[in-house]
Amino acid sequence: MNTRLIAARVIYKILQDGSSLTATLDTALMAVESSKDRAFIQALCYGVLRQFHRLDFVLAQLVEKPIKDNEIKAIALLGLYQLGFMRVKPHAAVSETIQAIRKKNWAKPLINALLRTYLRQQDTLEQLLTTVPSATFSHPNWLIKEIQQNWSMQSTFILNENNKQAPMVLRANTLKTSRKNYLELLIQQGISATTLDYCASAILLEKPVNVDQLPKFAEGWVSVQDSAAQLAASLLSIEPNQRVLDVCAAPGGKMAHCLEIQPNLQELVAVDIDAIRMQRVIENMHRIGLQANTIIGDATRPKDWWDGKQFDRILIDAPCSATGVIRRHPDIKLLRKPEDIDLLRIMQKNILDAIWPLLTSGGILLYATCSVLKQENEQQIADFLACHADATHLPILATWGHSRLYGRQILTGEDNMDGFYYALLCKK
């Protein structure tokens, strides 16, 4: 099995078809039995996509004409990534990368030549790419400008954090164990981990592990969820016998956490438009041992699925640019386009406007995104408040993130967290 060939095919699918890294990689790894090979393929795919714009710039310097064949381009990028970022012996990286070329023999001398040229000119090329922002930060130019305009003082930090591997964080299910007890279980298994003061349920692993290695994972004692996402459930301040709505609920981590914190609800209704993703929510809830009323429905058209009874608490986990989770999904840098931001803003507004009537008087709505762009976050809430006289903003008092005029923003990498935004609204 040529692991580099499998990785090249994954990258090709993303370059050629705009496929999702997560879905494409999951499918590719199904045929790989060795855990070592699976880890190597995953490291190659994530690494190439994190450094894509940097590698693409270097590649352009090494060829007279752009490589139009995306399959061969993917192989070239894999070779450059191994030589520049991995502890792979140069001769092995070159020879194994060339072996990934199967039917297109014309490309073998091309890949061989450009990889060997890179080895000779590596220092010069590294100096050259510092003059080009997209290569320096390995982001598309439009996204660099967006982040710089939004967070001028912190932009370099955000861009650098986007290119790092995200930590693995667990959420202890307090219905079945305490965080302290589960931490002791991890230590007994030889898994190093620490707690996070700002999040009562979060456990930060020193190194990522396969979920099969986590004690009692199959029994629902613990789930994988970033600590920033774990903040949502406590912000809702859910009380017994309340009716709770989770809009755009998939993949269901926040919904499950709400039930773990407060199992004595009148009802929790989870709505998502994607039937496949909702099935994963149901399977995960079954693993944890929890139940909710799951509905396949469009958040902008509640009349199609709402029973007319208002909710005491509503969570809108709004569709967004996902610019706060690029380190977990580096393909966002290739797949997201500048025109997407305005389309997402319109969708977010439509969801807020449609869901607001479902909240009871005195009820609380939590608006959340995994974005670091103000136009999707604090500006979206400012526009909403200007148009809804019965809405008032509730300040979030916390030690994490940045307090904004409306809501609170976490920037990618701060306190080991993903980039997230939260805003609390109360109906007068």
Protein backbone atom coordinates (compact mmCIF):
# COMPACT_ATOMS: atom_id res chain seq x y z
CA MET A 1 0.00 0.00 0.00
CA ASN A 2 1.39 3.38 -1.04
CA THR A 3 0.30 5.74 1.72
CA ARG A 4 1.38 8.75 -0.32
CA LEU A 5 -0.87 7.67 -3.18
CA ILE A 6 -3.87 7.52 -0.84
CA ALA A 7 -3.03 10.97 0.55
CA ALA A 8 -2.58 12.35 -2.97
CA ARG A 9 -6.02 11.10 -3.98
CA VAL A 10 -7.60 12.83 -0.97
CA ILE A 11 -5.91 16.13 -1.79
CA TYR A 12 -6.82 15.71 -5.46
CA LYS A 13 -10.51 15.38 -4.54
CA ILE A 14 -10.34 18.65 -2.63
CA LEU A 15 -8.46 20.52 -5.38
CA GLN A 16 -10.53 19.08 -8.23
CA ASP A 17 -14.02 18.72 -6.77
CA GLY A 18 -14.05 21.02 -3.74
CA SER A 19 -14.72 18.02 -1.51
CA SER A 20 -14.58 18.20 2.28
CA LEU A 21 -11.34 17.00 3.87
CA THR A 22 -13.15 15.29 6.75
CA ALA A 23 -15.54 13.29 4.54
CA THR A 24 -12.93 12.44 1.88
CA LEU A 25 -10.30 11.38 4.38
CA ASP A 26 -12.76 9.28 6.40
CA THR A 27 -13.70 7.38 3.24
CA ALA A 28 -10.08 6.88 2.20
CA LEU A 29 -9.00 5.59 5.61
CA MET A 30 -11.68 2.90 5.68
CA ALA A 31 -9.46 0.70 3.51
CA VAL A 32 -6.33 1.25 5.64
CA GLU A 33 -5.87 -1.30 8.42
CA SER A 34 -2.60 -0.17 9.98
CA SER A 35 -3.04 2.57 12.60
CA LYS A 36 0.48 3.80 11.79
CA ASP A 37 -0.38 4.16 8.10
CA ARG A 38 -3.65 5.88 8.92
CA ALA A 39 -1.86 8.40 11.12
CA PHE A 40 0.75 9.07 8.41
CA ILE A 41 -1.88 9.63 5.71
CA GLN A 42 -3.82 11.95 7.99
CA ALA A 43 -0.66 13.91 8.85
CA LEU A 44 0.14 14.30 5.14
CA CYS A 45 -3.35 15.50 4.20
CA TYR A 46 -3.74 17.95 7.06
CA GLY A 47 -0.17 19.19 6.67
CA VAL A 48 -0.42 19.87 2.94
CA LEU A 49 -3.70 21.75 3.36
CA ARG A 50 -2.41 23.79 6.30
CA GLN A 51 0.61 24.83 4.26
CA PHE A 52 -1.10 24.80 0.85
CA HIS A 53 -0.59 28.45 -0.10
CA ARG A 54 3.03 28.32 1.03
CA LEU A 55 3.71 25.08 -0.87
CA ASP A 56 1.85 26.32 -3.94
CA PHE A 57 4.06 29.41 -4.05
CA VAL A 58 7.21 27.28 -3.80
CA LEU A 59 5.92 24.95 -6.50
CA ALA A 60 5.35 27.90 -8.83
CA GLN A 61 9.02 28.85 -8.45
CA LEU A 62 10.17 25.35 -9.41
CA VAL A 63 8.27 24.87 -12.69
CA GLU A 64 8.35 26.81 -15.94
CA LYS A 65 4.60 26.35 -16.47
CA PRO A 66 1.86 25.73 -13.86
CA ILE A 67 0.93 22.08 -13.36
CA LYS A 68 -2.65 21.93 -14.62
CA ASP A 69 -3.15 18.26 -13.77
CA ASN A 70 -4.45 18.39 -10.17
CA GLU A 71 -3.52 14.75 -9.54
CA ILE A 72 0.13 15.43 -10.32
CA LYS A 73 -0.02 18.76 -8.50
CA ALA A 74 -1.26 16.99 -5.38
CA ILE A 75 1.69 14.58 -5.57
CA ALA A 76 4.14 17.47 -6.02
CA LEU A 77 2.70 19.27 -2.98
CA LEU A 78 2.98 16.06 -0.93
CA GLY A 79 6.66 15.76 -1.84
CA LEU A 80 7.40 19.38 -0.96
CA TYR A 81 5.57 19.08 2.36
CA GLN A 82 7.58 16.02 3.37
CA LEU A 83 10.87 17.74 2.50
CA GLY A 84 9.98 21.00 4.20
CA PHE A 85 7.99 19.97 7.25
CA MET A 86 8.33 16.27 8.09
CA ARG A 87 11.09 14.14 9.53
CA VAL A 88 11.29 12.01 6.41
CA LYS A 89 14.70 11.29 4.91
CA PRO A 90 15.00 13.30 1.67
CA HIS A 91 15.84 10.32 -0.55
CA ALA A 92 12.86 8.38 0.85
CA ALA A 93 10.51 11.33 0.42
CA VAL A 94 11.56 11.79 -3.21
CA SER A 95 11.50 8.11 -4.21
CA GLU A 96 8.24 7.26 -2.40
CA THR A 97 6.52 10.35 -3.82
CA ILE A 98 7.52 9.39 -7.38
CA GLN A 99 6.17 5.86 -6.77
CA ALA A 100 2.76 7.42 -6.07
CA ILE A 101 2.58 8.27 -9.78
CA ARG A 102 0.99 5.27 -11.47
CA LYS A 103 -0.23 5.74 -15.04
CA LYS A 104 1.14 9.19 -15.89
CA ASN A 105 4.78 8.26 -16.46
CA TRP A 106 5.46 11.61 -18.10
CA ALA A 107 5.21 13.22 -14.67
CA LYS A 108 7.87 11.12 -12.94
CA PRO A 109 10.92 13.02 -14.27
CA LEU A 110 9.09 16.31 -13.61
CA ILE A 111 8.42 15.49 -9.94
CA ASN A 112 11.91 14.07 -9.49
CA ALA A 113 13.52 17.21 -10.91
CA LEU A 114 11.46 19.75 -9.00
CA LEU A 115 11.88 17.98 -5.64
CA ARG A 116 15.65 17.72 -6.08
CA THR A 117 15.80 21.37 -7.17
CA TYR A 118 13.90 22.29 -4.01
CA LEU A 119 16.47 20.49 -1.87
CA ARG A 120 19.27 22.49 -3.53
CA GLN A 121 17.47 25.85 -3.36
CA GLN A 122 15.50 25.45 -0.11
CA ASP A 123 17.15 28.31 1.78
CA THR A 124 16.71 30.75 -1.11
CA LEU A 125 13.07 29.78 -1.58
CA GLU A 126 12.36 30.13 2.14
CA GLN A 127 13.68 33.69 2.05
CA LEU A 128 11.67 34.50 -1.07
CA LEU A 129 8.32 33.41 0.32
CA THR A 130 8.63 35.88 3.24
CA THR A 131 8.00 38.65 0.69
CA VAL A 132 4.56 37.29 -0.23
CA PRO A 133 1.84 37.46 2.48
CA SER A 134 -0.20 34.51 1.16
CA ALA A 135 2.94 32.34 1.24
CA THR A 136 4.18 33.71 4.56
CA PHE A 137 0.89 33.04 6.37
CA SER A 138 -0.33 30.22 4.08
CA HIS A 139 -3.77 31.80 3.69
CA PRO A 140 -5.57 33.23 0.66
CA ASN A 141 -5.05 36.99 0.32
CA TRP A 142 -8.74 37.85 0.81
CA LEU A 143 -8.85 36.01 4.14
CA ILE A 144 -5.62 37.63 5.35
CA LYS A 145 -7.15 41.04 4.63
CA GLU A 146 -10.42 40.12 6.39
CA ILE A 147 -8.62 38.99 9.54
CA GLN A 148 -6.30 42.01 9.50
CA GLN A 149 -9.25 44.39 9.12
CA ASN A 150 -11.17 42.67 11.92
CA TRP A 151 -8.28 42.16 14.34
CA SER A 152 -5.34 44.34 13.35
CA MET A 153 -3.38 43.84 16.58
CA GLN A 154 -4.05 40.09 16.83
CA SER A 155 -4.09 39.15 13.13
CA THR A 156 -0.60 37.64 13.00
CA PHE A 157 -1.38 35.53 16.07
CA ILE A 158 -4.65 34.27 14.53
CA LEU A 159 -3.05 33.44 11.17
CA ASN A 160 -0.21 31.55 12.82
CA GLU A 161 -2.57 29.65 15.13
CA ASN A 162 -4.69 28.61 12.15
CA ASN A 163 -1.71 26.65 10.82
CA LYS A 164 -1.10 24.69 14.03
CA GLN A 165 -2.56 21.35 14.99
CA ALA A 166 -5.53 21.83 17.29
CA PRO A 167 -5.43 20.14 20.70
CA MET A 168 -7.73 17.27 21.57
CA VAL A 169 -10.17 18.26 24.31
CA LEU A 170 -12.66 16.02 26.09
CA ARG A 171 -15.98 16.79 27.78
CA ALA A 172 -16.60 14.73 30.89
CA ASN A 173 -20.21 13.54 31.19
CA THR A 174 -21.07 14.56 34.75
CA LEU A 175 -24.15 12.31 34.71
CA LYS A 176 -21.80 9.32 34.74
CA THR A 177 -18.53 10.53 36.27
CA SER A 178 -16.77 13.60 37.63
CA ARG A 179 -14.01 15.35 35.74
CA LYS A 180 -11.61 14.51 38.55
CA ASN A 181 -12.44 10.80 38.41
CA TYR A 182 -12.15 10.66 34.64
CA LEU A 183 -8.80 12.43 34.77
CA GLU A 184 -7.60 9.67 37.11
CA LEU A 185 -8.82 7.04 34.62
CA LEU A 186 -6.79 8.70 31.87
CA ILE A 187 -3.67 8.74 34.05
CA GLN A 188 -4.15 5.02 34.77
CA GLN A 189 -4.20 4.43 31.01
CA GLY A 190 -0.98 6.40 30.60
CA ILE A 191 -2.72 9.33 28.88
CA SER A 192 -1.40 12.69 30.06
CA ALA A 193 -4.07 15.37 30.51
CA THR A 194 -4.91 18.51 32.45
CA THR A 195 -8.06 20.39 33.41
CA LEU A 196 -9.02 23.87 32.22
CA ASP A 197 -10.08 26.36 34.89
CA TYR A 198 -12.48 28.35 32.71
CA CYS A 199 -14.52 25.30 31.69
CA ALA A 200 -15.76 22.91 34.39
CA SER A 201 -16.18 19.90 32.10
CA ALA A 202 -13.10 20.22 29.86
CA ILE A 203 -10.03 17.96 29.88
CA LEU A 204 -7.07 18.88 27.66
CA LEU A 205 -4.99 15.95 26.38
CA GLU A 206 -1.25 16.41 26.05
CA LYS A 207 -1.36 14.42 22.77
CA PRO A 208 -4.31 13.35 20.61
CA VAL A 209 -5.34 9.69 20.90
CA ASN A 210 -7.81 7.44 19.12
CA VAL A 211 -11.20 7.47 20.85
CA ASP A 212 -10.90 3.69 21.26
CA GLN A 213 -8.13 4.38 23.78
CA LEU A 214 -10.37 6.58 25.94
CA PRO A 215 -11.72 4.77 29.03
CA LYS A 216 -15.50 4.20 28.92
CA PHE A 217 -15.89 6.17 25.68
CA ALA A 218 -18.34 3.63 24.25
CA GLU A 219 -20.38 3.91 27.46
CA GLY A 220 -20.71 7.69 27.06
CA TRP A 221 -18.52 8.78 29.95
CA VAL A 222 -16.73 11.30 27.77
CA SER A 223 -17.03 13.06 24.39
CA VAL A 224 -14.59 14.92 22.17
CA GLN A 225 -15.43 18.63 22.06
CA ASP A 226 -13.32 21.78 22.03
CA SER A 227 -13.46 23.77 25.27
CA ALA A 228 -14.81 26.86 23.46
CA ALA A 229 -17.81 24.85 22.27
CA GLN A 230 -18.31 23.51 25.81
CA LEU A 231 -19.00 27.03 27.09
CA ALA A 232 -22.39 27.18 25.35
CA ALA A 233 -24.35 24.95 27.72
CA SER A 234 -23.44 26.89 30.87
CA LEU A 235 -24.14 30.24 29.17
CA LEU A 236 -27.76 29.20 28.59
CA SER A 237 -28.39 28.89 32.36
CA ILE A 238 -30.90 26.09 31.81
CA GLU A 239 -33.27 25.27 34.69
CA PRO A 240 -35.39 22.16 35.41
CA ASN A 241 -38.66 21.71 33.49
CA GLN A 242 -37.74 24.23 30.83
CA ARG A 243 -38.32 23.72 27.13
CA VAL A 244 -35.11 24.11 25.11
CA LEU A 245 -34.54 24.45 21.36
CA ASP A 246 -31.21 23.76 19.62
CA VAL A 247 -31.25 25.17 16.09
CA CYS A 248 -28.71 23.94 13.51
CA ALA A 249 -27.98 21.25 16.09
CA ALA A 250 -25.62 18.89 14.25
CA PRO A 251 -23.17 17.47 15.18
CA GLY A 252 -24.97 17.67 18.55
CA GLY A 253 -22.19 18.25 21.07
CA LYS A 254 -23.74 21.37 22.60
CA MET A 255 -27.15 19.73 22.76
CA ALA A 256 -25.76 16.69 24.58
CA HIS A 257 -23.87 18.92 26.99
CA CYS A 258 -27.09 20.79 27.84
CA LEU A 259 -28.72 17.50 28.82
CA GLU A 260 -25.67 16.41 30.80
CA ILE A 261 -25.82 19.64 32.79
CA GLN A 262 -29.61 19.65 33.19
CA PRO A 263 -31.28 16.28 32.51
CA ASN A 264 -34.61 17.32 34.07
CA LEU A 265 -35.96 19.30 31.14
CA GLN A 266 -39.54 19.35 29.98
CA GLU A 267 -38.20 18.81 26.45
CA LEU A 268 -35.16 19.43 24.27
CA VAL A 269 -35.93 19.87 20.58
CA ALA A 270 -33.03 19.64 18.12
CA VAL A 271 -33.48 20.89 14.55
CA ASP A 272 -31.11 20.52 11.61
CA ILE A 273 -31.66 20.63 7.87
CA ASP A 274 -29.17 17.83 7.10
CA ALA A 275 -30.64 14.34 7.58
CA ILE A 276 -27.26 12.58 7.38
CA ARG A 277 -25.70 14.82 10.03
CA MET A 278 -28.78 14.43 12.21
CA GLN A 279 -28.40 10.65 12.08
CA ARG A 280 -24.91 11.08 13.54
CA VAL A 281 -26.46 13.22 16.30
CA ILE A 282 -28.91 10.42 17.12
CA GLU A 283 -26.13 7.82 17.20
CA ASN A 284 -24.00 9.97 19.49
CA MET A 285 -26.94 10.62 21.83
CA HIS A 286 -27.53 6.88 22.00
CA ARG A 287 -23.87 6.33 22.97
CA ILE A 288 -24.15 8.88 25.75
CA GLY A 289 -27.52 7.53 26.88
CA LEU A 290 -29.59 10.68 26.33
CA GLN A 291 -32.76 11.50 24.43
CA ALA A 292 -34.07 14.52 22.54
CA ASN A 293 -36.77 15.29 20.03
CA THR A 294 -34.83 15.44 16.75
CA ILE A 295 -36.41 17.14 13.73
CA ILE A 296 -35.17 17.46 10.16
CA GLY A 297 -36.15 21.01 9.26
CA ASP A 298 -35.16 24.39 7.85
CA ALA A 299 -34.37 26.91 10.61
CA THR A 300 -35.63 29.75 8.41
CA ARG A 301 -39.05 28.05 8.06
CA PRO A 302 -40.16 27.07 11.59
CA LYS A 303 -43.81 27.00 10.49
CA ASP A 304 -42.98 23.69 8.77
CA TRP A 305 -41.95 21.97 12.01
CA TRP A 306 -42.80 24.09 15.09
CA ASP A 307 -45.70 22.93 17.29
CA GLY A 308 -46.57 26.48 18.38
CA LYS A 309 -45.31 26.11 21.98
CA GLN A 310 -42.64 28.66 22.86
CA PHE A 311 -39.24 27.82 24.32
CA ASP A 312 -37.58 29.08 27.52
CA ARG A 313 -34.08 28.73 26.06
CA ILE A 314 -32.88 28.70 22.46
CA LEU A 315 -29.43 27.99 21.09
CA ILE A 316 -28.70 29.12 17.54
CA ASP A 317 -25.42 27.53 16.47
CA ALA A 318 -25.48 29.56 13.28
CA PRO A 319 -24.00 28.49 9.93
CA CYS A 320 -20.88 30.60 9.48
CA SER A 321 -17.54 31.00 7.69
CA ALA A 322 -15.90 28.64 10.23
CA THR A 323 -12.88 30.93 10.28
CA GLY A 324 -12.41 30.09 13.96
CA VAL A 325 -11.86 26.38 13.33
CA ILE A 326 -9.45 26.47 10.40
CA ARG A 327 -6.83 24.62 12.42
CA ARG A 328 -9.28 21.69 12.62
CA HIS A 329 -10.51 22.07 9.03
CA PRO A 330 -7.64 23.52 6.95
CA ASP A 331 -9.57 22.88 3.73
CA ILE A 332 -11.65 25.94 4.66
CA LYS A 333 -8.79 28.07 3.33
CA LEU A 334 -9.28 26.50 -0.11
CA LEU A 335 -13.04 26.01 -0.17
CA ARG A 336 -14.32 29.23 1.40
CA LYS A 337 -14.72 32.19 -1.00
CA PRO A 338 -15.00 35.93 -0.18
CA GLU A 339 -18.52 36.11 -1.56
CA ASP A 340 -19.60 33.43 0.92
CA ILE A 341 -19.43 35.87 3.85
CA ASP A 342 -22.30 38.07 2.67
CA LEU A 343 -24.41 35.00 1.84
CA LEU A 344 -23.78 33.60 5.31
CA ARG A 345 -24.67 36.94 6.93
CA ILE A 346 -28.03 36.88 5.14
CA MET A 347 -28.67 33.30 6.26
CA GLN A 348 -27.75 34.13 9.86
CA LYS A 349 -30.11 37.12 9.83
CA ASN A 350 -32.93 35.05 8.38
CA ILE A 351 -32.49 32.37 11.05
CA LEU A 352 -32.42 34.92 13.88
CA ASP A 353 -35.54 36.66 12.56
CA ALA A 354 -37.38 33.36 12.04
CA ILE A 355 -36.51 31.80 15.39
CA TRP A 356 -36.97 34.85 17.65
CA PRO A 357 -40.81 34.50 17.81
CA LEU A 358 -40.33 30.98 19.22
CA LEU A 359 -38.77 32.40 22.41
CA THR A 360 -41.07 33.04 25.36
CA SER A 361 -41.15 36.38 27.22
CA GLY A 362 -38.26 36.47 29.66
CA GLY A 363 -36.56 33.66 27.73
CA ILE A 364 -32.90 33.63 26.70
CA LEU A 365 -31.44 33.03 23.24
CA LEU A 366 -27.74 32.22 22.77
CA TYR A 367 -26.31 33.11 19.36
CA ALA A 368 -23.07 31.23 18.60
CA THR A 369 -20.65 30.96 15.69
CA CYS A 370 -17.22 29.44 15.16
CA SER A 371 -16.14 32.57 13.29
CA VAL A 372 -13.70 35.37 14.11
CA LEU A 373 -15.25 37.84 11.64
CA LYS A 374 -17.14 40.71 13.25
CA GLN A 375 -19.69 41.01 10.46
CA GLU A 376 -21.00 37.54 11.35
CA ASN A 377 -20.82 38.18 15.07
CA GLU A 378 -21.11 41.46 16.96
CA GLN A 379 -22.29 43.39 13.88
CA GLN A 380 -24.97 40.75 13.24
CA ILE A 381 -26.24 41.15 16.81
CA ALA A 382 -26.13 44.97 16.60
CA ASP A 383 -28.27 44.84 13.45
CA PHE A 384 -30.71 42.42 15.11
CA LEU A 385 -31.15 44.60 18.21
CA ALA A 386 -31.76 47.65 16.04
CA CYS A 387 -34.68 45.86 14.36
CA HIS A 388 -36.23 44.11 17.39
CA ALA A 389 -37.48 46.40 20.14
CA ASP A 390 -38.43 43.42 22.33
CA ALA A 391 -34.82 42.15 22.45
CA THR A 392 -32.18 43.15 24.97
CA HIS A 393 -28.53 42.20 25.16
CA LEU A 394 -27.20 40.39 28.25
CA PRO A 395 -23.47 40.94 28.93
CA ILE A 396 -21.35 37.81 29.35
CA LEU A 397 -19.12 38.18 32.39
CA ALA A 398 -16.16 35.83 32.01
CA THR A 399 -12.38 35.59 32.16
CA TRP A 400 -12.11 34.00 28.72
CA GLY A 401 -12.20 35.80 25.39
CA HIS A 402 -12.70 39.48 24.59
CA SER A 403 -15.68 41.50 25.78
CA ARG A 404 -17.33 43.30 22.86
CA LEU A 405 -20.11 45.88 22.78
CA TYR A 406 -22.36 42.90 22.08
CA GLY A 407 -21.26 39.43 23.05
CA ARG A 408 -17.87 37.91 23.72
CA GLN A 409 -15.25 36.80 21.18
CA ILE A 410 -12.63 34.05 21.52
CA LEU A 411 -9.78 34.26 19.03
CA THR A 412 -8.30 31.06 17.64
CA GLY A 413 -5.62 29.62 19.89
CA GLU A 414 -6.35 31.73 22.96
CA ASP A 415 -6.26 29.48 26.06
CA ASN A 416 -6.04 26.48 23.68
CA MET A 417 -9.54 27.26 22.36
CA ASP A 418 -11.02 27.40 18.88
CA GLY A 419 -12.26 30.75 17.64
CA PHE A 420 -15.83 31.23 18.88
CA TYR A 421 -18.36 34.01 19.38
CA TYR A 422 -21.24 34.07 21.86
CA ALA A 423 -24.01 36.61 22.44
CA LEU A 424 -26.93 36.38 24.87
CA LEU A 425 -30.29 37.95 24.04
CA CYS A 426 -33.32 38.18 26.33
CA LYS A 427 -36.90 38.79 25.23
CA LYS A 428 -38.42 41.64 27.21
